[in-house]
N, C-alpha and C. Protein backbone atom coordinates (compact mmCIF):
# COMPACT_ATOMS: atom_id res chain seq x y z
N MET A 1 100.84 137.06 97.53
CA MET A 1 99.81 137.98 97.97
C MET A 1 100.39 138.86 99.06
N THR A 2 100.20 140.17 98.94
CA THR A 2 100.72 141.10 99.94
C THR A 2 99.58 141.55 100.85
N VAL A 3 99.97 141.86 102.06
CA VAL A 3 99.02 142.38 103.03
C VAL A 3 99.40 143.82 103.30
N GLU A 4 98.48 144.72 103.02
CA GLU A 4 98.76 146.13 103.21
C GLU A 4 98.53 146.52 104.66
N ARG A 5 99.37 147.43 105.16
CA ARG A 5 99.23 147.94 106.51
C ARG A 5 98.01 148.85 106.55
N LEU A 6 97.25 148.72 107.60
CA LEU A 6 96.09 149.60 107.75
C LEU A 6 96.55 151.01 108.03
N GLY A 7 95.95 151.97 107.38
CA GLY A 7 96.25 153.37 107.64
C GLY A 7 95.58 153.81 108.92
N PRO A 8 95.88 155.03 109.38
CA PRO A 8 95.31 155.50 110.64
C PRO A 8 93.79 155.58 110.62
N ALA A 9 93.21 155.96 109.50
CA ALA A 9 91.75 156.05 109.44
C ALA A 9 91.13 154.66 109.54
N ALA A 10 91.71 153.69 108.83
CA ALA A 10 91.18 152.33 108.87
C ALA A 10 91.32 151.74 110.27
N THR A 11 92.42 152.03 110.94
CA THR A 11 92.63 151.54 112.30
C THR A 11 91.58 152.11 113.24
N LEU A 12 91.34 153.42 113.15
CA LEU A 12 90.34 154.05 114.01
C LEU A 12 88.94 153.55 113.69
N ILE A 13 88.61 153.41 112.43
CA ILE A 13 87.29 152.91 112.07
C ILE A 13 87.10 151.50 112.61
N SER A 14 88.12 150.68 112.51
CA SER A 14 88.03 149.32 113.03
C SER A 14 87.80 149.33 114.54
N ALA A 15 88.55 150.16 115.25
CA ALA A 15 88.37 150.26 116.70
C ALA A 15 86.98 150.79 117.04
N LEU A 16 86.51 151.78 116.30
CA LEU A 16 85.19 152.33 116.54
C LEU A 16 84.10 151.30 116.27
N ARG A 17 84.26 150.52 115.22
CA ARG A 17 83.27 149.48 114.92
C ARG A 17 83.20 148.47 116.06
N THR A 18 84.36 148.07 116.57
CA THR A 18 84.40 147.12 117.67
C THR A 18 83.70 147.68 118.89
N GLN A 19 84.06 148.91 119.27
CA GLN A 19 83.43 149.55 120.42
C GLN A 19 81.94 149.76 120.19
N MET A 20 81.58 150.19 119.00
CA MET A 20 80.19 150.46 118.68
C MET A 20 79.36 149.19 118.76
N THR A 21 79.89 148.09 118.27
CA THR A 21 79.18 146.82 118.32
C THR A 21 78.95 146.41 119.76
N ARG A 22 79.98 146.55 120.59
CA ARG A 22 79.85 146.23 122.01
C ARG A 22 78.78 147.08 122.68
N LYS A 23 78.85 148.38 122.44
CA LYS A 23 77.89 149.29 123.06
C LYS A 23 76.48 149.07 122.53
N ARG A 24 76.35 148.82 121.25
CA ARG A 24 75.03 148.59 120.67
C ARG A 24 74.41 147.33 121.27
N ASP A 25 75.23 146.30 121.48
CA ASP A 25 74.73 145.07 122.10
C ASP A 25 74.28 145.33 123.53
N GLU A 26 75.05 146.14 124.27
CA GLU A 26 74.66 146.48 125.64
C GLU A 26 73.35 147.24 125.66
N VAL A 27 73.20 148.20 124.76
CA VAL A 27 71.96 148.98 124.69
C VAL A 27 70.79 148.09 124.33
N ALA A 28 70.99 147.20 123.37
CA ALA A 28 69.91 146.30 122.93
C ALA A 28 69.47 145.39 124.07
N ARG A 29 70.42 144.91 124.85
CA ARG A 29 70.07 144.05 125.98
C ARG A 29 69.36 144.83 127.08
N GLY A 30 69.80 146.08 127.31
CA GLY A 30 69.25 146.88 128.40
C GLY A 30 67.93 147.55 128.07
N ALA A 31 67.73 147.96 126.85
CA ALA A 31 66.54 148.73 126.50
C ALA A 31 65.62 147.99 125.54
N GLY A 32 65.89 146.73 125.29
CA GLY A 32 65.08 146.00 124.31
C GLY A 32 65.70 146.16 122.95
N ALA A 33 65.62 145.14 122.15
CA ALA A 33 66.26 145.19 120.83
C ALA A 33 65.55 146.19 119.93
N ARG A 34 66.34 147.03 119.30
CA ARG A 34 65.81 147.95 118.30
C ARG A 34 66.28 147.48 116.94
N ASP A 35 65.63 147.95 115.94
CA ASP A 35 65.99 147.57 114.59
C ASP A 35 67.28 148.25 114.20
N SER A 36 68.37 147.49 114.08
CA SER A 36 69.66 148.08 113.75
C SER A 36 69.70 148.66 112.34
N ALA A 37 68.79 148.24 111.50
CA ALA A 37 68.76 148.78 110.14
C ALA A 37 68.47 150.27 110.14
N SER A 38 67.72 150.74 111.13
CA SER A 38 67.42 152.17 111.18
C SER A 38 68.65 152.97 111.57
N ALA A 39 69.59 152.34 112.27
CA ALA A 39 70.80 153.04 112.67
C ALA A 39 71.84 153.07 111.56
N ARG A 40 71.71 152.19 110.62
CA ARG A 40 72.69 152.12 109.52
C ARG A 40 72.16 152.86 108.30
N ALA A 41 73.05 153.56 107.68
CA ALA A 41 72.70 154.24 106.43
C ALA A 41 73.61 153.67 105.35
N ALA A 42 73.53 152.37 105.15
CA ALA A 42 74.51 151.64 104.35
C ALA A 42 74.75 152.23 102.97
N GLY A 43 73.74 152.54 102.24
CA GLY A 43 73.95 152.98 100.87
C GLY A 43 74.22 154.46 100.75
N SER A 44 74.09 155.22 101.83
CA SER A 44 74.15 156.67 101.71
C SER A 44 75.43 157.28 102.26
N ARG A 45 76.47 156.50 102.42
CA ARG A 45 77.71 157.03 102.98
C ARG A 45 78.54 157.71 101.88
N ASP A 46 78.87 158.95 102.12
CA ASP A 46 79.65 159.74 101.18
C ASP A 46 81.06 159.95 101.75
N VAL A 47 82.02 159.23 101.19
CA VAL A 47 83.39 159.28 101.68
C VAL A 47 83.96 160.70 101.56
N ALA A 48 83.64 161.39 100.48
CA ALA A 48 84.15 162.75 100.29
C ALA A 48 83.63 163.68 101.38
N ALA A 49 82.37 163.51 101.78
CA ALA A 49 81.80 164.35 102.84
C ALA A 49 82.49 164.06 104.16
N LEU A 50 82.76 162.79 104.45
CA LEU A 50 83.48 162.45 105.68
C LEU A 50 84.87 163.05 105.66
N ARG A 51 85.55 162.93 104.54
CA ARG A 51 86.91 163.47 104.43
C ARG A 51 86.90 164.99 104.64
N ARG A 52 85.91 165.68 104.07
CA ARG A 52 85.81 167.13 104.27
C ARG A 52 85.60 167.48 105.74
N GLU A 53 84.68 166.75 106.37
CA GLU A 53 84.40 167.03 107.79
C GLU A 53 85.63 166.75 108.65
N LEU A 54 86.29 165.63 108.41
CA LEU A 54 87.50 165.31 109.18
C LEU A 54 88.61 166.31 108.87
N GLY A 55 88.66 166.78 107.62
CA GLY A 55 89.66 167.79 107.25
C GLY A 55 89.45 169.09 108.01
N GLU A 56 88.19 169.48 108.20
CA GLU A 56 87.89 170.68 108.97
C GLU A 56 88.31 170.52 110.43
N ILE A 57 88.06 169.34 110.97
CA ILE A 57 88.48 169.07 112.35
C ILE A 57 90.01 169.08 112.44
N ALA A 58 90.67 168.45 111.47
CA ALA A 58 92.13 168.37 111.46
C ALA A 58 92.76 169.75 111.34
N ALA A 59 92.14 170.63 110.59
CA ALA A 59 92.69 171.98 110.42
C ALA A 59 92.73 172.74 111.74
N GLN A 60 91.85 172.38 112.65
CA GLN A 60 91.79 173.06 113.95
C GLN A 60 92.56 172.33 115.04
N ALA A 61 93.06 171.14 114.73
CA ALA A 61 93.74 170.31 115.73
C ALA A 61 95.25 170.36 115.55
N ASP A 62 95.96 170.29 116.66
CA ASP A 62 97.42 170.24 116.64
C ASP A 62 97.86 168.90 117.25
N PRO A 63 98.37 167.99 116.42
CA PRO A 63 98.75 166.66 116.93
C PRO A 63 99.83 166.70 118.02
N ASP A 64 100.56 167.81 118.12
CA ASP A 64 101.60 167.92 119.14
C ASP A 64 101.08 168.52 120.44
N ASP A 65 99.82 168.92 120.48
CA ASP A 65 99.23 169.53 121.67
C ASP A 65 98.12 168.62 122.19
N GLU A 66 98.34 168.01 123.35
CA GLU A 66 97.38 167.05 123.89
C GLU A 66 96.02 167.69 124.15
N ALA A 67 95.98 168.93 124.62
CA ALA A 67 94.70 169.60 124.86
C ALA A 67 93.91 169.75 123.55
N SER A 68 94.61 170.08 122.49
CA SER A 68 93.98 170.20 121.19
C SER A 68 93.43 168.85 120.72
N MET A 69 94.19 167.80 120.95
CA MET A 69 93.75 166.47 120.55
C MET A 69 92.57 165.99 121.40
N GLU A 70 92.55 166.37 122.67
CA GLU A 70 91.41 166.02 123.54
C GLU A 70 90.13 166.67 123.03
N ARG A 71 90.24 167.86 122.47
CA ARG A 71 89.06 168.53 121.90
C ARG A 71 88.67 167.90 120.57
N ALA A 72 89.64 167.47 119.79
CA ALA A 72 89.37 166.92 118.46
C ALA A 72 88.84 165.48 118.52
N ARG A 73 89.31 164.72 119.48
CA ARG A 73 88.98 163.29 119.54
C ARG A 73 87.47 163.03 119.52
N PRO A 74 86.66 163.66 120.39
CA PRO A 74 85.22 163.38 120.33
C PRO A 74 84.58 163.81 119.01
N ARG A 75 85.09 164.88 118.42
CA ARG A 75 84.55 165.35 117.15
C ARG A 75 84.83 164.33 116.04
N VAL A 76 86.04 163.77 116.04
CA VAL A 76 86.40 162.76 115.04
C VAL A 76 85.56 161.50 115.23
N VAL A 77 85.45 161.05 116.47
CA VAL A 77 84.68 159.84 116.75
C VAL A 77 83.22 160.05 116.36
N ARG A 78 82.65 161.20 116.72
CA ARG A 78 81.25 161.50 116.37
C ARG A 78 81.06 161.47 114.85
N ALA A 79 81.96 162.13 114.13
CA ALA A 79 81.85 162.18 112.67
C ALA A 79 81.92 160.79 112.06
N MET A 80 82.84 159.97 112.54
CA MET A 80 83.01 158.64 111.98
C MET A 80 81.83 157.73 112.32
N LEU A 81 81.33 157.82 113.55
CA LEU A 81 80.18 156.99 113.92
C LEU A 81 78.94 157.36 113.12
N LEU A 82 78.69 158.66 113.00
CA LEU A 82 77.50 159.08 112.24
C LEU A 82 77.63 158.73 110.77
N TRP A 83 78.85 158.81 110.24
CA TRP A 83 79.06 158.41 108.85
C TRP A 83 78.83 156.91 108.69
N GLU A 84 79.37 156.13 109.60
CA GLU A 84 79.30 154.67 109.50
C GLU A 84 77.89 154.14 109.76
N PHE A 85 77.19 154.71 110.77
CA PHE A 85 75.92 154.12 111.20
C PHE A 85 74.71 155.01 110.91
N GLY A 86 74.92 156.21 110.43
CA GLY A 86 73.81 157.09 110.07
C GLY A 86 73.40 158.02 111.20
N PRO A 87 72.77 159.14 110.84
CA PRO A 87 72.38 160.14 111.84
C PRO A 87 71.32 159.65 112.82
N GLY A 88 70.60 158.59 112.47
CA GLY A 88 69.61 158.03 113.37
C GLY A 88 70.21 157.49 114.65
N LEU A 89 71.51 157.26 114.64
CA LEU A 89 72.19 156.76 115.83
C LEU A 89 72.02 157.72 117.00
N ARG A 90 71.92 159.02 116.70
CA ARG A 90 71.75 160.01 117.77
C ARG A 90 70.41 159.89 118.46
N ASP A 91 69.46 159.17 117.87
CA ASP A 91 68.14 159.01 118.47
C ASP A 91 68.14 158.02 119.64
N TYR A 92 69.15 157.18 119.72
CA TYR A 92 69.23 156.23 120.82
C TYR A 92 69.50 156.98 122.11
N GLY A 93 68.80 156.60 123.16
CA GLY A 93 68.97 157.24 124.46
C GLY A 93 70.38 157.13 125.00
N GLU A 94 71.09 156.11 124.60
CA GLU A 94 72.45 155.88 125.09
C GLU A 94 73.52 156.49 124.18
N TRP A 95 73.12 157.32 123.22
CA TRP A 95 74.07 157.89 122.27
C TRP A 95 75.22 158.60 122.97
N GLN A 96 74.93 159.58 123.82
CA GLN A 96 75.99 160.37 124.45
C GLN A 96 76.86 159.52 125.38
N PRO A 97 76.28 158.69 126.26
CA PRO A 97 77.14 157.83 127.09
C PRO A 97 78.00 156.89 126.25
N MET A 98 77.43 156.38 125.15
CA MET A 98 78.17 155.49 124.27
C MET A 98 79.33 156.24 123.63
N LEU A 99 79.07 157.44 123.12
CA LEU A 99 80.11 158.26 122.51
C LEU A 99 81.21 158.55 123.52
N ASP A 100 80.82 158.95 124.72
CA ASP A 100 81.80 159.26 125.77
C ASP A 100 82.64 158.04 126.12
N SER A 101 82.01 156.88 126.18
CA SER A 101 82.73 155.65 126.51
C SER A 101 83.74 155.29 125.43
N ILE A 102 83.35 155.43 124.18
CA ILE A 102 84.27 155.13 123.07
C ILE A 102 85.45 156.09 123.09
N VAL A 103 85.18 157.37 123.28
CA VAL A 103 86.25 158.37 123.32
C VAL A 103 87.20 158.06 124.48
N GLN A 104 86.64 157.74 125.64
CA GLN A 104 87.46 157.43 126.80
C GLN A 104 88.33 156.18 126.55
N THR A 105 87.75 155.19 125.90
CA THR A 105 88.51 153.98 125.58
C THR A 105 89.66 154.30 124.63
N LEU A 106 89.40 155.11 123.61
CA LEU A 106 90.46 155.48 122.67
C LEU A 106 91.52 156.34 123.34
N GLU A 107 91.11 157.21 124.27
CA GLU A 107 92.07 158.04 124.98
C GLU A 107 93.00 157.21 125.85
N SER A 108 92.50 156.11 126.36
CA SER A 108 93.31 155.29 127.27
C SER A 108 94.29 154.38 126.54
N ASP A 109 94.22 154.31 125.23
CA ASP A 109 95.08 153.43 124.44
C ASP A 109 96.10 154.26 123.68
N GLU A 110 97.36 154.10 124.03
CA GLU A 110 98.43 154.88 123.39
C GLU A 110 98.47 154.67 121.88
N GLY A 111 98.25 153.44 121.44
CA GLY A 111 98.26 153.15 120.01
C GLY A 111 97.15 153.90 119.28
N GLN A 112 95.99 153.98 119.88
CA GLN A 112 94.88 154.71 119.26
C GLN A 112 95.13 156.21 119.27
N ARG A 113 95.76 156.72 120.33
CA ARG A 113 96.11 158.16 120.35
C ARG A 113 97.09 158.47 119.22
N ARG A 114 98.06 157.59 119.02
CA ARG A 114 99.03 157.78 117.93
C ARG A 114 98.33 157.70 116.57
N ALA A 115 97.41 156.74 116.43
CA ALA A 115 96.70 156.58 115.16
C ALA A 115 95.88 157.83 114.85
N LEU A 116 95.27 158.43 115.85
CA LEU A 116 94.50 159.65 115.61
C LEU A 116 95.43 160.79 115.23
N ALA A 117 96.57 160.90 115.89
CA ALA A 117 97.53 161.95 115.53
C ALA A 117 98.01 161.77 114.09
N GLU A 118 98.25 160.52 113.67
CA GLU A 118 98.65 160.24 112.29
C GLU A 118 97.54 160.62 111.32
N LEU A 119 96.29 160.32 111.70
CA LEU A 119 95.16 160.65 110.86
C LEU A 119 95.06 162.18 110.69
N ILE A 120 95.21 162.90 111.78
CA ILE A 120 95.17 164.37 111.73
C ILE A 120 96.26 164.90 110.80
N LEU A 121 97.47 164.38 110.95
CA LEU A 121 98.57 164.81 110.08
C LEU A 121 98.28 164.49 108.62
N GLU A 122 97.77 163.28 108.37
CA GLU A 122 97.45 162.86 107.00
C GLU A 122 96.38 163.78 106.39
N LEU A 123 95.37 164.12 107.16
CA LEU A 123 94.31 165.00 106.67
C LEU A 123 94.82 166.41 106.43
N ARG A 124 95.74 166.87 107.25
CA ARG A 124 96.31 168.21 107.08
C ARG A 124 97.14 168.29 105.81
N ARG A 125 97.80 167.17 105.47
CA ARG A 125 98.62 167.16 104.24
C ARG A 125 97.77 167.17 103.00
N GLY A 126 96.56 166.67 103.17
CA GLY A 126 95.76 166.83 102.01
C GLY A 126 94.97 165.80 101.42
């Protein structure tokens, strides 16, 4: 049995899921538990739509320019979170602080910055 290496998108999605779960738990404890089913759009995720949106972001980003990547990072995280958990996620009062916290966490990790740059390059190739 072989184990495949996770690609940059899978690595970022995994990191986002971990951060999102942590933040969602914090919000639930602080503001009272909300129905997480409303935040998830499990059956309605369109991979092609996500790829198109990320492709548009990648077309405007330069992996060799840190300022460009700083602008792209929140857009990528936002797109992936909304795709994974549904647009209702924006209704939570802690949406923006949660998004900012996840972006800041990813920015502080060199491995995640590299993974995002690889994802941008992969999306630019096609």
